[in-house]
Amino acid sequence: MKLTLKSILIVIILLFTLSKSLKCQNINEQEKIGFSYFNTNADSSIYYYQQAITQYNLIDDFKSQARCLQNISFIYDEQILDNYKSFFYANASLDFWLLAKDSLNAANIKKQIALLYAKNGQFTLAKKYIDDAILMFKHLKFEDGVYVTLFDWALILEMENKLKESLTLLIKIKSYWKTQGNNIRLFLTNNQIIKKYDKQYTLITIDELINENKNLIEQKIIPLPLIEKFNDLIKK
């Protein structure tokens, strides 16, 4: 029995689809391995993320390339402490999020770029990227994104030695998360206020902040790393 031209074309399409599917699975494995090393072996994590990026490029998967580039930026920032390389990968990630027309993640990486500028003492550029991120979140009508960005802005104000402005903003952020019932964000914000507490800039007492966080811990919803940071803060 001879195959018709239509049948041959269907077989070719199916083989191509299967090949692409298998290739995607293999790429995903590279990314998963990169993620598995994220907190334990920075060099290995970067290596596997780079392998995944190369493969994602072959199938024009902009979002996955952006995600891997973003994670590499975080590794250079948080573990290797190389501000320059973190900045390079963060900007590359932004380019790919924009290519993918993913405004939400583009806004998120703009926050990261703002923090990197601030760590380098370039506060005017940091403010520009914070403002950009806030505008993007507002356009998306994503209020939580606005307040996560404002939290980063409070950190930048602290870096700029503007403690009064930073604490005033943190109190506003704290109020928002309490209203929204987001207890993890509330706990995190309380931690930051406790860390830089100055009674002349806030009507809330430090005992109120500590007791509120202790009550949140009792609800068994706060991740262990945040609890450990809190315990370290109140020991000082």
C-alpha atoms as a PDB file:
ATOM      1  CA  MET A   1       0.000   0.000   0.000  1.00  0.00           C
ATOM      2  CA  LYS A   2       1.505   3.339  -1.071  1.00  0.00           C
ATOM      3  CA  LEU A   3       1.361   6.439   1.091  1.00  0.00           C
ATOM      4  CA  THR A   4      -0.291   9.459  -0.462  1.00  0.00           C
ATOM      5  CA  LEU A   5       1.454  12.830  -0.486  1.00  0.00           C
ATOM      6  CA  LYS A   6      -0.998  14.023   2.174  1.00  0.00           C
ATOM      7  CA  SER A   7      -0.107  11.065   4.435  1.00  0.00           C
ATOM      8  CA  ILE A   8       3.619  11.672   3.972  1.00  0.00           C
ATOM      9  CA  LEU A   9       3.166  15.333   4.929  1.00  0.00           C
ATOM     10  CA  ILE A  10       1.205  14.345   8.037  1.00  0.00           C
ATOM     11  CA  VAL A  11       3.970  11.928   9.075  1.00  0.00           C
ATOM     12  CA  ILE A  12       6.623  14.637   8.546  1.00  0.00           C
ATOM     13  CA  ILE A  13       4.623  17.118  10.629  1.00  0.00           C
ATOM     14  CA  LEU A  14       4.151  14.560  13.415  1.00  0.00           C
ATOM     15  CA  LEU A  15       7.863  13.692  13.446  1.00  0.00           C
ATOM     16  CA  PHE A  16       8.780  17.378  13.528  1.00  0.00           C
ATOM     17  CA  THR A  17       6.332  17.996  16.397  1.00  0.00           C
ATOM     18  CA  LEU A  18       7.676  14.990  18.325  1.00  0.00           C
ATOM     19  CA  SER A  19      11.272  16.122  17.760  1.00  0.00           C
ATOM     20  CA  LYS A  20      10.457  19.619  19.017  1.00  0.00           C
ATOM     21  CA  SER A  21       8.624  18.184  22.022  1.00  0.00           C
ATOM     22  CA  LEU A  22      11.586  15.949  22.947  1.00  0.00           C
ATOM     23  CA  LYS A  23      13.957  18.890  22.492  1.00  0.00           C
ATOM     24  CA  CYS A  24      11.821  21.008  24.829  1.00  0.00           C
ATOM     25  CA  GLN A  25      11.820  18.246  27.438  1.00  0.00           C
ATOM     26  CA  ASN A  26      15.622  18.062  27.247  1.00  0.00           C
ATOM     27  CA  ILE A  27      15.937  21.852  27.592  1.00  0.00           C
ATOM     28  CA  ASN A  28      13.575  21.830  30.557  1.00  0.00           C
ATOM     29  CA  GLU A  29      15.831  19.249  32.204  1.00  0.00           C
ATOM     30  CA  GLN A  30      18.805  21.599  31.796  1.00  0.00           C
ATOM     31  CA  GLU A  31      16.836  24.404  33.429  1.00  0.00           C
ATOM     32  CA  LYS A  32      15.627  22.116  36.236  1.00  0.00           C
ATOM     33  CA  ILE A  33      19.206  21.064  36.996  1.00  0.00           C
ATOM     34  CA  GLY A  34      20.201  24.736  37.044  1.00  0.00           C
ATOM     35  CA  PHE A  35      17.415  25.417  39.536  1.00  0.00           C
ATOM     36  CA  SER A  36      18.420  22.439  41.700  1.00  0.00           C
ATOM     37  CA  TYR A  37      21.884  23.963  42.144  1.00  0.00           C
ATOM     38  CA  PHE A  38      20.552  27.505  42.693  1.00  0.00           C
ATOM     39  CA  ASN A  39      21.195  27.663  46.455  1.00  0.00           C
ATOM     40  CA  THR A  40      24.052  25.163  46.714  1.00  0.00           C
ATOM     41  CA  ASN A  41      26.431  25.551  43.774  1.00  0.00           C
ATOM     42  CA  ALA A  42      26.405  28.897  41.974  1.00  0.00           C
ATOM     43  CA  ASP A  43      28.829  27.931  39.192  1.00  0.00           C
ATOM     44  CA  SER A  44      26.943  24.730  38.304  1.00  0.00           C
ATOM     45  CA  SER A  45      23.617  26.536  38.405  1.00  0.00           C
ATOM     46  CA  ILE A  46      24.878  29.221  36.011  1.00  0.00           C
ATOM     47  CA  TYR A  47      26.373  26.580  33.688  1.00  0.00           C
ATOM     48  CA  TYR A  48      23.100  24.658  33.303  1.00  0.00           C
ATOM     49  CA  TYR A  49      21.042  27.830  32.946  1.00  0.00           C
ATOM     50  CA  GLN A  50      23.389  28.939  30.150  1.00  0.00           C
ATOM     51  CA  GLN A  51      22.990  25.568  28.442  1.00  0.00           C
ATOM     52  CA  ALA A  52      19.223  25.937  28.625  1.00  0.00           C
ATOM     53  CA  ILE A  53      19.372  29.504  27.237  1.00  0.00           C
ATOM     54  CA  THR A  54      21.355  28.302  24.210  1.00  0.00           C
ATOM     55  CA  GLN A  55      18.778  25.623  23.497  1.00  0.00           C
ATOM     56  CA  TYR A  56      15.766  27.869  24.125  1.00  0.00           C
ATOM     57  CA  ASN A  57      17.252  30.265  21.586  1.00  0.00           C
ATOM     58  CA  LEU A  58      16.960  27.571  18.897  1.00  0.00           C
ATOM     59  CA  ILE A  59      13.193  27.415  19.339  1.00  0.00           C
ATOM     60  CA  ASP A  60      12.677  31.172  19.913  1.00  0.00           C
ATOM     61  CA  ASP A  61      11.373  30.664  23.445  1.00  0.00           C
ATOM     62  CA  PHE A  62      11.834  34.226  24.686  1.00  0.00           C
ATOM     63  CA  LYS A  63      10.096  33.753  28.050  1.00  0.00           C
ATOM     64  CA  SER A  64      12.233  30.799  29.061  1.00  0.00           C
ATOM     65  CA  GLN A  65      15.414  32.620  28.018  1.00  0.00           C
ATOM     66  CA  ALA A  66      14.304  35.628  30.077  1.00  0.00           C
ATOM     67  CA  ARG A  67      13.580  33.434  33.100  1.00  0.00           C
ATOM     68  CA  CYS A  68      17.011  31.743  32.967  1.00  0.00           C
ATOM     69  CA  LEU A  69      18.818  35.063  32.459  1.00  0.00           C
ATOM     70  CA  GLN A  70      16.930  36.515  35.417  1.00  0.00           C
ATOM     71  CA  ASN A  71      17.934  33.621  37.671  1.00  0.00           C
ATOM     72  CA  ILE A  72      21.581  34.002  36.652  1.00  0.00           C
ATOM     73  CA  SER A  73      21.331  37.692  37.565  1.00  0.00           C
ATOM     74  CA  PHE A  74      20.022  36.753  41.027  1.00  0.00           C
ATOM     75  CA  ILE A  75      22.900  34.297  41.533  1.00  0.00           C
ATOM     76  CA  TYR A  76      25.515  36.915  40.674  1.00  0.00           C
ATOM     77  CA  ASP A  77      23.777  39.433  42.936  1.00  0.00           C
ATOM     78  CA  GLU A  78      22.973  37.318  46.005  1.00  0.00           C
ATOM     79  CA  GLN A  79      25.676  34.635  46.018  1.00  0.00           C
ATOM     80  CA  ILE A  80      28.700  35.672  43.977  1.00  0.00           C
ATOM     81  CA  LEU A  81      28.232  39.385  44.818  1.00  0.00           C
ATOM     82  CA  ASP A  82      29.258  40.502  41.343  1.00  0.00           C
ATOM     83  CA  ASN A  83      27.157  43.598  40.705  1.00  0.00           C
ATOM     84  CA  TYR A  84      28.430  44.122  37.161  1.00  0.00           C
ATOM     85  CA  LYS A  85      27.547  40.616  35.910  1.00  0.00           C
ATOM     86  CA  SER A  86      24.225  40.668  37.742  1.00  0.00           C
ATOM     87  CA  PHE A  87      23.408  43.953  36.010  1.00  0.00           C
ATOM     88  CA  PHE A  88      24.404  42.517  32.609  1.00  0.00           C
ATOM     89  CA  TYR A  89      22.121  39.476  32.946  1.00  0.00           C
ATOM     90  CA  ALA A  90      19.251  41.494  34.419  1.00  0.00           C
ATOM     91  CA  ASN A  91      19.262  43.831  31.402  1.00  0.00           C
ATOM     92  CA  ALA A  92      19.444  40.865  29.019  1.00  0.00           C
ATOM     93  CA  SER A  93      16.479  39.327  30.843  1.00  0.00           C
ATOM     94  CA  LEU A  94      14.524  42.586  30.490  1.00  0.00           C
ATOM     95  CA  ASP A  95      15.143  42.578  26.729  1.00  0.00           C
ATOM     96  CA  PHE A  96      13.695  39.085  26.410  1.00  0.00           C
ATOM     97  CA  TRP A  97      10.682  39.779  28.652  1.00  0.00           C
ATOM     98  CA  LEU A  98       9.915  42.748  26.391  1.00  0.00           C
ATOM     99  CA  LEU A  99      10.355  40.568  23.279  1.00  0.00           C
ATOM    100  CA  ALA A 100       7.895  38.125  24.828  1.00  0.00           C
ATOM    101  CA  LYS A 101       5.508  41.040  25.527  1.00  0.00           C
ATOM    102  CA  ASP A 102       5.391  39.994  29.188  1.00  0.00           C
ATOM    103  CA  SER A 103       4.868  43.296  31.013  1.00  0.00           C
ATOM    104  CA  LEU A 104       4.448  41.726  34.456  1.00  0.00           C
ATOM    105  CA  ASN A 105       7.850  40.063  34.462  1.00  0.00           C
ATOM    106  CA  ALA A 106       9.439  43.051  32.709  1.00  0.00           C
ATOM    107  CA  ALA A 107       8.258  45.196  35.626  1.00  0.00           C
ATOM    108  CA  ASN A 108       9.668  42.671  38.108  1.00  0.00           C
ATOM    109  CA  ILE A 109      13.133  42.690  36.546  1.00  0.00           C
ATOM    110  CA  LYS A 110      13.084  46.498  36.410  1.00  0.00           C
ATOM    111  CA  LYS A 111      12.881  46.375  40.228  1.00  0.00           C
ATOM    112  CA  GLN A 112      15.999  44.207  40.281  1.00  0.00           C
ATOM    113  CA  ILE A 113      17.833  46.628  37.973  1.00  0.00           C
ATOM    114  CA  ALA A 114      16.808  49.527  40.239  1.00  0.00           C
ATOM    115  CA  LEU A 115      18.316  47.767  43.269  1.00  0.00           C
ATOM    116  CA  LEU A 116      21.528  47.080  41.351  1.00  0.00           C
ATOM    117  CA  TYR A 117      21.819  50.748  40.385  1.00  0.00           C
ATOM    118  CA  ALA A 118      21.295  51.698  44.036  1.00  0.00           C
ATOM    119  CA  LYS A 119      23.994  49.284  45.212  1.00  0.00           C
ATOM    120  CA  ASN A 120      26.303  51.084  42.804  1.00  0.00           C
ATOM    121  CA  GLY A 121      25.309  54.468  44.254  1.00  0.00           C
ATOM    122  CA  GLN A 122      23.395  55.514  41.120  1.00  0.00           C
ATOM    123  CA  PHE A 123      20.216  56.578  42.900  1.00  0.00           C
ATOM    124  CA  THR A 124      18.760  58.739  40.120  1.00  0.00           C
ATOM    125  CA  LEU A 125      18.760  55.779  37.740  1.00  0.00           C
ATOM    126  CA  ALA A 126      17.444  53.537  40.507  1.00  0.00           C
ATOM    127  CA  LYS A 127      14.477  55.894  40.988  1.00  0.00           C
ATOM    128  CA  LYS A 128      13.814  55.908  37.235  1.00  0.00           C
ATOM    129  CA  TYR A 129      13.542  52.120  37.095  1.00  0.00           C
ATOM    130  CA  ILE A 130      11.387  52.020  40.238  1.00  0.00           C
ATOM    131  CA  ASP A 131       9.047  54.584  38.675  1.00  0.00           C
ATOM    132  CA  ASP A 132       8.945  52.560  35.435  1.00  0.00           C
ATOM    133  CA  ALA A 133       8.043  49.385  37.330  1.00  0.00           C
ATOM    134  CA  ILE A 134       5.294  51.138  39.315  1.00  0.00           C
ATOM    135  CA  LEU A 135       3.788  52.586  36.128  1.00  0.00           C
ATOM    136  CA  MET A 136       3.804  49.152  34.492  1.00  0.00           C
ATOM    137  CA  PHE A 137       2.120  47.515  37.494  1.00  0.00           C
ATOM    138  CA  LYS A 138      -0.478  50.293  37.620  1.00  0.00           C
ATOM    139  CA  HIS A 139      -1.161  49.825  33.907  1.00  0.00           C
ATOM    140  CA  LEU A 140      -1.690  46.113  34.613  1.00  0.00           C
ATOM    141  CA  LYS A 141      -3.956  47.069  37.562  1.00  0.00           C
ATOM    142  CA  PHE A 142      -1.751  44.925  39.803  1.00  0.00           C
ATOM    143  CA  GLU A 143      -1.715  46.789  43.107  1.00  0.00           C
ATOM    144  CA  ASP A 144       0.307  44.129  44.931  1.00  0.00           C
ATOM    145  CA  GLY A 145       3.066  44.646  42.365  1.00  0.00           C
ATOM    146  CA  VAL A 146       3.049  48.375  43.135  1.00  0.00           C
ATOM    147  CA  TYR A 147       3.567  47.733  46.850  1.00  0.00           C
ATOM    148  CA  VAL A 148       6.269  45.113  46.317  1.00  0.00           C
ATOM    149  CA  THR A 149       8.055  47.754  44.237  1.00  0.00           C
ATOM    150  CA  LEU A 150       7.546  50.378  46.945  1.00  0.00           C
ATOM    151  CA  PHE A 151       9.197  47.980  49.398  1.00  0.00           C
ATOM    152  CA  ASP A 152      12.256  47.882  47.141  1.00  0.00           C
ATOM    153  CA  TRP A 153      12.119  51.676  46.955  1.00  0.00           C
ATOM    154  CA  ALA A 154      12.189  51.785  50.778  1.00  0.00           C
ATOM    155  CA  LEU A 155      15.347  49.643  50.692  1.00  0.00           C
ATOM    156  CA  ILE A 156      16.912  52.042  48.179  1.00  0.00           C
ATOM    157  CA  LEU A 157      16.028  55.055  50.344  1.00  0.00           C
ATOM    158  CA  GLU A 158      17.779  53.308  53.229  1.00  0.00           C
ATOM    159  CA  MET A 159      20.883  52.798  51.049  1.00  0.00           C
ATOM    160  CA  GLU A 160      20.743  56.526  50.290  1.00  0.00           C
ATOM    161  CA  ASN A 161      20.746  57.220  54.060  1.00  0.00           C
ATOM    162  CA  LYS A 162      17.200  58.590  53.921  1.00  0.00           C
ATOM    163  CA  LEU A 163      15.987  56.671  56.971  1.00  0.00           C
ATOM    164  CA  LYS A 164      12.969  58.876  57.743  1.00  0.00           C
ATOM    165  CA  GLU A 165      11.593  58.534  54.190  1.00  0.00           C
ATOM    166  CA  SER A 166      12.321  54.800  54.181  1.00  0.00           C
ATOM    167  CA  LEU A 167      10.528  54.098  57.478  1.00  0.00           C
ATOM    168  CA  THR A 168       7.575  56.345  56.552  1.00  0.00           C
ATOM    169  CA  LEU A 169       7.142  54.370  53.336  1.00  0.00           C
ATOM    170  CA  LEU A 170       7.484  51.029  55.152  1.00  0.00           C
ATOM    171  CA  ILE A 171       4.668  51.995  57.543  1.00  0.00           C
ATOM    172  CA  LYS A 172       2.459  52.722  54.518  1.00  0.00           C
ATOM    173  CA  ILE A 173       3.410  49.354  52.987  1.00  0.00           C
ATOM    174  CA  LYS A 174       2.746  47.562  56.289  1.00  0.00           C
ATOM    175  CA  SER A 175      -0.754  49.050  56.419  1.00  0.00           C
ATOM    176  CA  TYR A 176      -1.481  47.867  52.865  1.00  0.00           C
ATOM    177  CA  TRP A 177      -0.431  44.250  53.487  1.00  0.00           C
ATOM    178  CA  LYS A 178      -2.424  44.166  56.732  1.00  0.00           C
ATOM    179  CA  THR A 179      -5.520  45.360  54.864  1.00  0.00           C
ATOM    180  CA  GLN A 180      -4.944  42.736  52.155  1.00  0.00           C
ATOM    181  CA  GLY A 181      -4.451  39.938  54.698  1.00  0.00           C
ATOM    182  CA  ASN A 182      -1.060  39.064  53.195  1.00  0.00           C
ATOM    183  CA  ASN A 183       0.633  37.951  56.410  1.00  0.00           C
ATOM    184  CA  ILE A 184       3.930  36.865  54.851  1.00  0.00           C
ATOM    185  CA  ARG A 185       4.446  40.300  53.268  1.00  0.00           C
ATOM    186  CA  LEU A 186       3.317  41.911  56.540  1.00  0.00           C
ATOM    187  CA  PHE A 187       5.883  39.857  58.484  1.00  0.00           C
ATOM    188  CA  LEU A 188       8.627  40.733  55.991  1.00  0.00           C
ATOM    189  CA  THR A 189       7.803  44.452  56.213  1.00  0.00           C
ATOM    190  CA  ASN A 190       7.757  44.318  60.014  1.00  0.00           C
ATOM    191  CA  ASN A 191      11.203  42.715  59.918  1.00  0.00           C
ATOM    192  CA  GLN A 192      12.543  45.595  57.838  1.00  0.00           C
ATOM    193  CA  ILE A 193      11.019  48.206  60.172  1.00  0.00           C
ATOM    194  CA  ILE A 194      12.486  46.431  63.228  1.00  0.00           C
ATOM    195  CA  LYS A 195      15.878  46.282  61.517  1.00  0.00           C
ATOM    196  CA  LYS A 196      16.045  50.067  61.081  1.00  0.00           C
ATOM    197  CA  TYR A 197      13.678  51.112  63.886  1.00  0.00           C
ATOM    198  CA  ASP A 198      13.854  54.716  65.082  1.00  0.00           C
ATOM    199  CA  LYS A 199      11.076  55.875  67.428  1.00  0.00           C
ATOM    200  CA  GLN A 200      11.287  59.469  66.193  1.00  0.00           C
ATOM    201  CA  TYR A 201      10.082  58.382  62.746  1.00  0.00           C
ATOM    202  CA  THR A 202       7.186  56.074  63.658  1.00  0.00           C
ATOM    203  CA  LEU A 203       4.321  56.025  66.150  1.00  0.00           C
ATOM    204  CA  ILE A 204       4.435  52.224  66.299  1.00  0.00           C
ATOM    205  CA  THR A 205       6.528  50.846  69.163  1.00  0.00           C
ATOM    206  CA  ILE A 206       9.098  48.154  68.522  1.00  0.00           C
ATOM    207  CA  ASP A 207       7.300  45.905  71.054  1.00  0.00           C
ATOM    208  CA  GLU A 208       4.123  46.137  68.951  1.00  0.00           C
ATOM    209  CA  LEU A 209       6.056  45.053  65.854  1.00  0.00           C
ATOM    210  CA  ILE A 210       7.745  42.163  67.652  1.00  0.00           C
ATOM    211  CA  ASN A 211       4.495  40.919  69.210  1.00  0.00           C
ATOM    212  CA  GLU A 212       2.673  41.126  65.890  1.00  0.00           C
ATOM    213  CA  ASN A 213       5.353  38.983  64.241  1.00  0.00           C
ATOM    214  CA  LYS A 214       5.302  36.488  67.119  1.00  0.00           C
ATOM    215  CA  ASN A 215       1.531  36.130  66.666  1.00  0.00           C
ATOM    216  CA  LEU A 216       2.020  35.549  62.941  1.00  0.00           C
ATOM    217  CA  ILE A 217       4.616  32.852  63.668  1.00  0.00           C
ATOM    218  CA  GLU A 218       2.098  31.064  65.906  1.00  0.00           C
ATOM    219  CA  GLN A 219      -0.258  30.807  62.917  1.00  0.00           C
ATOM    220  CA  LYS A 220       2.384  28.555  61.265  1.00  0.00           C
ATOM    221  CA  ILE A 221       2.255  30.356  57.911  1.00  0.00           C
ATOM    222  CA  ILE A 222       5.619  32.141  57.926  1.00  0.00           C
ATOM    223  CA  PRO A 223       8.535  30.474  56.038  1.00  0.00           C
ATOM    224  CA  LEU A 224      11.428  29.369  58.268  1.00  0.00           C
ATOM    225  CA  PRO A 225      14.080  31.680  56.674  1.00  0.00           C
ATOM    226  CA  LEU A 226      11.962  34.742  57.550  1.00  0.00           C
ATOM    227  CA  ILE A 227      11.466  33.484  61.112  1.00  0.00           C
ATOM    228  CA  GLU A 228      15.227  32.973  61.489  1.00  0.00           C
ATOM    229  CA  LYS A 229      15.886  36.545  60.299  1.00  0.00           C
ATOM    230  CA  PHE A 230      13.304  37.824  62.783  1.00  0.00           C
ATOM    231  CA  ASN A 231      14.882  35.886  65.649  1.00  0.00           C
ATOM    232  CA  ASP A 232      18.309  37.297  64.714  1.00  0.00           C
ATOM    233  CA  LEU A 233      16.889  40.840  64.719  1.00  0.00           C
ATOM    234  CA  ILE A 234      15.313  40.639  68.177  1.00  0.00           C
ATOM    235  CA  LYS A 235      18.467  39.138  69.702  1.00  0.00           C
ATOM    236  CA  LYS A 236      20.391  42.325  68.916  1.00  0.00           C
END
